[in-house]
């Protein structure tokens, strides 16, 4: 009889051999603790790369939309910092036009705002002061709520709203129009992450993590 999770391990081994990815780490558990854990492959396709371990750090890429931004949005709703029914234009003044005036925070979360999936704004833009109006003034790709098109751009706007949605009564004695550093999206998420894991989980990982980060 094969050991528990044999099929899962075989699937990962096959994927590594077919170069779907160079390495993997998997863990299965319940409220009682870890049931099964396995690491396979290496940190990169380089044959000299270090093997994957339980301490390997992986780039979660677009999983951050669910793990970070969406989670923070739900916290903001619980804290009554904003409502899912709030219109985007209430928070972002550049979001104007009859074609988008009814778009809500819920629509951003549902990828139903009408925004296109992706544009390489990072090539010419580096700061929020550039990104925000560029995204807000884009022609919509479809009428809001008629489709659900996965959009990086909608979640970028959601991140800006989260930074602006200060707790009631909060004030920041900084430059007018500036965001309190503690309210930056990455700072909000780091506080959230500490509440449910002791493992490294953050935006902009430091260089000291590089030696154990998978490519």
Protein backbone atom coordinates (compact mmCIF):
# COMPACT_ATOMS: atom_id res chain seq x y z
CA UNK A 1 0.00 0.00 0.00
CA UNK A 2 1.51 3.40 -0.99
CA UNK A 3 2.24 5.89 1.79
CA UNK A 4 -0.22 8.75 2.49
CA UNK A 5 -0.27 11.49 -0.17
CA UNK A 6 1.83 9.33 -2.51
CA UNK A 7 -0.16 10.56 -5.54
CA UNK A 8 0.42 14.20 -4.56
CA UNK A 9 4.16 13.68 -4.26
CA UNK A 10 4.26 11.87 -7.61
CA UNK A 11 2.36 14.73 -9.26
CA UNK A 12 4.88 17.27 -7.95
CA UNK A 13 7.84 15.13 -9.00
CA UNK A 14 6.38 14.79 -12.50
CA UNK A 15 5.84 18.56 -12.71
CA UNK A 16 9.45 19.22 -11.69
CA UNK A 17 10.74 16.74 -14.28
CA UNK A 18 8.63 18.42 -16.97
CA UNK A 19 10.02 21.80 -15.84
CA UNK A 20 6.70 23.26 -14.82
CA UNK A 21 8.64 24.64 -11.83
CA UNK A 22 12.06 23.89 -10.33
CA UNK A 23 10.97 23.09 -6.78
CA UNK A 24 8.04 22.81 -4.41
CA UNK A 25 7.20 22.66 -0.72
CA UNK A 26 3.91 21.25 0.50
CA UNK A 27 2.36 20.78 3.90
CA UNK A 28 -0.94 19.22 4.94
CA UNK A 29 -2.37 19.56 8.41
CA UNK A 30 -5.34 20.15 10.64
CA UNK A 31 -6.02 21.70 14.03
CA UNK A 32 -3.84 19.01 15.58
CA UNK A 33 -0.75 20.00 13.62
CA UNK A 34 1.18 18.85 10.56
CA UNK A 35 0.01 15.58 8.99
CA UNK A 36 2.38 15.48 6.02
CA UNK A 37 5.20 17.66 4.74
CA UNK A 38 7.44 17.25 1.69
CA UNK A 39 9.98 19.39 -0.15
CA UNK A 40 11.19 18.59 -3.65
CA UNK A 41 13.47 20.02 -6.31
CA UNK A 42 15.71 23.06 -6.17
CA UNK A 43 15.48 26.84 -5.84
CA UNK A 44 16.01 27.29 -9.58
CA UNK A 45 16.60 25.28 -12.76
CA UNK A 46 20.35 25.63 -12.23
CA UNK A 47 21.68 22.17 -11.35
CA UNK A 48 23.95 23.79 -8.78
CA UNK A 49 21.06 25.54 -7.03
CA UNK A 50 20.34 24.71 -3.42
CA UNK A 51 17.58 22.18 -2.73
CA UNK A 52 14.15 23.36 -1.64
CA UNK A 53 13.63 23.15 2.13
CA UNK A 54 10.86 23.86 4.60
CA UNK A 55 12.42 27.33 5.02
CA UNK A 56 12.37 28.19 1.30
CA UNK A 57 10.65 31.49 0.52
CA UNK A 58 8.36 31.60 -2.52
CA UNK A 59 7.05 34.57 -4.48
CA UNK A 60 3.27 34.41 -4.02
CA UNK A 61 2.72 36.71 -7.01
CA UNK A 62 -0.99 37.36 -7.58
CA UNK A 63 -1.95 35.33 -4.51
CA UNK A 64 -1.19 38.57 -2.69
CA UNK A 65 -4.49 39.90 -4.03
CA UNK A 66 -6.34 37.33 -1.92
CA UNK A 67 -3.94 36.93 0.99
CA UNK A 68 -3.10 40.61 1.44
CA UNK A 69 -5.33 43.14 -0.33
CA UNK A 70 -8.66 41.29 -0.08
CA UNK A 71 -7.99 40.35 3.54
CA UNK A 72 -7.16 43.95 4.42
CA UNK A 73 -10.31 45.10 2.63
CA UNK A 74 -12.42 42.76 4.78
CA UNK A 75 -10.71 44.09 7.90
CA UNK A 76 -11.48 47.64 6.77
CA UNK A 77 -15.14 46.71 6.31
CA UNK A 78 -15.23 45.11 9.78
CA UNK A 79 -13.66 48.27 11.23
CA UNK A 80 -16.20 50.41 9.32
CA UNK A 81 -13.44 52.31 7.59
CA UNK A 82 -15.33 51.87 4.33
CA UNK A 83 -18.25 49.94 2.91
CA UNK A 84 -18.24 47.55 -0.03
CA UNK A 85 -21.03 49.71 -1.46
CA UNK A 86 -18.87 52.85 -1.42
CA UNK A 87 -18.32 54.22 -4.90
CA UNK A 88 -14.72 54.33 -6.05
CA UNK A 89 -15.17 58.01 -6.89
CA UNK A 90 -15.86 58.76 -3.22
CA UNK A 91 -12.29 57.76 -2.46
CA UNK A 92 -10.39 58.54 -5.65
CA UNK A 93 -11.29 61.97 -7.11
CA UNK A 94 -9.75 61.14 -10.51
CA UNK A 95 -12.28 58.33 -10.99
CA UNK A 96 -14.86 60.40 -12.87
CA UNK A 97 -17.23 59.89 -15.78
CA UNK A 98 -20.76 58.67 -16.35
CA UNK A 99 -19.42 55.32 -17.57
CA UNK A 100 -17.89 54.55 -14.17
CA UNK A 101 -19.67 56.61 -11.56
CA UNK A 102 -21.55 53.60 -10.16
CA UNK A 103 -18.45 51.40 -9.75
CA UNK A 104 -17.99 50.33 -6.13
CA UNK A 105 -15.29 48.83 -3.95
CA UNK A 106 -17.14 45.53 -4.28
CA UNK A 107 -16.72 45.76 -8.06
CA UNK A 108 -12.95 46.17 -7.67
CA UNK A 109 -12.86 43.07 -5.47
CA UNK A 110 -14.96 41.13 -7.97
CA UNK A 111 -12.84 42.26 -10.95
CA UNK A 112 -16.01 43.72 -12.45
CA UNK A 113 -15.10 47.42 -12.63
CA UNK A 114 -14.62 47.57 -16.40
CA UNK A 115 -10.87 48.05 -16.13
CA UNK A 116 -8.58 46.15 -18.46
CA UNK A 117 -6.56 43.30 -16.99
CA UNK A 118 -3.08 44.79 -17.18
CA UNK A 119 -0.96 47.56 -18.64
CA UNK A 120 2.81 48.06 -18.06
CA UNK A 121 2.48 51.37 -16.22
CA UNK A 122 5.57 50.53 -14.18
CA UNK A 123 7.72 51.37 -17.22
CA UNK A 124 6.88 55.09 -16.99
CA UNK A 125 5.38 55.42 -13.50
CA UNK A 126 7.01 55.03 -10.11
CA UNK A 127 4.73 56.75 -7.57
CA UNK A 128 1.10 56.74 -6.62
CA UNK A 129 0.76 60.33 -7.83
CA UNK A 130 1.44 58.95 -11.33
CA UNK A 131 -0.33 55.60 -11.15
CA UNK A 132 -3.62 56.77 -9.68
CA UNK A 133 -4.75 59.26 -12.34
CA UNK A 134 -3.37 57.08 -15.15
CA UNK A 135 -5.52 54.14 -14.07
CA UNK A 136 -8.57 56.18 -13.11
CA UNK A 137 -8.74 57.85 -16.53
CA UNK A 138 -8.35 54.72 -18.62
CA UNK A 139 -11.14 53.95 -21.05
CA UNK A 140 -13.15 51.06 -19.64
CA UNK A 141 -12.91 47.79 -21.52
CA UNK A 142 -16.52 46.76 -20.83
CA UNK A 143 -19.56 48.14 -18.97
CA UNK A 144 -19.09 47.63 -15.21
CA UNK A 145 -20.67 44.48 -13.74
CA UNK A 146 -21.35 42.91 -17.14
CA UNK A 147 -18.19 40.79 -16.94
CA UNK A 148 -15.54 39.70 -14.48
CA UNK A 149 -12.10 40.31 -15.99
CA UNK A 150 -9.15 39.64 -13.71
CA UNK A 151 -7.49 43.04 -13.28
CA UNK A 152 -4.23 44.04 -11.63
CA UNK A 153 -5.25 47.66 -12.12
CA UNK A 154 -8.43 47.40 -10.07
CA UNK A 155 -6.50 45.97 -7.14
CA UNK A 156 -3.90 48.73 -7.38
CA UNK A 157 -6.74 51.22 -6.90
CA UNK A 158 -8.09 49.14 -4.02
CA UNK A 159 -4.67 49.37 -2.37
CA UNK A 160 -4.76 53.16 -2.66
CA UNK A 161 -8.21 53.25 -1.06
CA UNK A 162 -6.97 51.06 1.81
CA UNK A 163 -4.15 53.51 2.44
CA UNK A 164 -6.59 56.42 2.56
CA UNK A 165 -9.21 54.72 4.72
CA UNK A 166 -7.89 55.88 8.07
CA UNK A 167 -9.50 54.66 11.30
CA UNK A 168 -12.09 57.11 12.56
CA UNK A 169 -10.50 59.91 14.50
CA UNK A 170 -7.01 59.15 13.20
CA UNK A 171 -4.80 62.02 12.12
CA UNK A 172 -1.36 62.23 10.58
CA UNK A 173 0.72 65.32 11.22
CA UNK A 174 2.79 64.98 8.08
CA UNK A 175 2.91 66.72 4.72
CA UNK A 176 -0.61 67.68 3.59
CA UNK A 177 -1.99 64.90 1.41
CA UNK A 178 0.65 62.43 2.61
CA UNK A 179 -0.19 58.96 3.86
CA UNK A 180 0.91 57.93 7.33
CA UNK A 181 3.74 55.39 6.76
CA UNK A 182 1.96 53.04 9.15
CA UNK A 183 -1.03 53.00 6.78
CA UNK A 184 0.96 52.03 3.69
CA UNK A 185 -0.37 48.81 2.23
CA UNK A 186 2.78 46.83 3.01
CA UNK A 187 2.78 48.05 6.62
CA UNK A 188 -0.88 47.12 7.08
CA UNK A 189 -0.23 43.66 5.70
CA UNK A 190 2.86 43.04 7.82
CA UNK A 191 0.77 43.71 10.93
CA UNK A 192 -1.94 41.36 9.66
CA UNK A 193 0.58 38.64 8.78
CA UNK A 194 2.08 38.72 12.28
CA UNK A 195 -1.37 37.92 13.66
CA UNK A 196 -1.57 34.53 11.94
CA UNK A 197 1.97 33.33 11.20
CA UNK A 198 5.47 33.52 12.57
CA UNK A 199 6.91 32.64 9.16
CA UNK A 200 8.38 35.28 6.81
CA UNK A 201 5.48 36.80 4.85
CA UNK A 202 5.77 40.33 3.51
CA UNK A 203 5.94 42.68 0.56
CA UNK A 204 9.40 43.78 -0.65
CA UNK A 205 11.43 40.99 0.99
CA UNK A 206 14.87 42.05 2.23
CA UNK A 207 18.07 40.95 0.52
CA UNK A 208 18.87 38.71 3.48
CA UNK A 209 16.06 36.40 2.31
CA UNK A 210 17.51 36.06 -1.19
CA UNK A 211 19.74 33.06 -0.45
CA UNK A 212 16.68 30.93 0.41
CA UNK A 213 14.23 32.37 -2.11
CA UNK A 214 13.06 30.28 -5.04
CA UNK A 215 13.46 31.81 -8.51
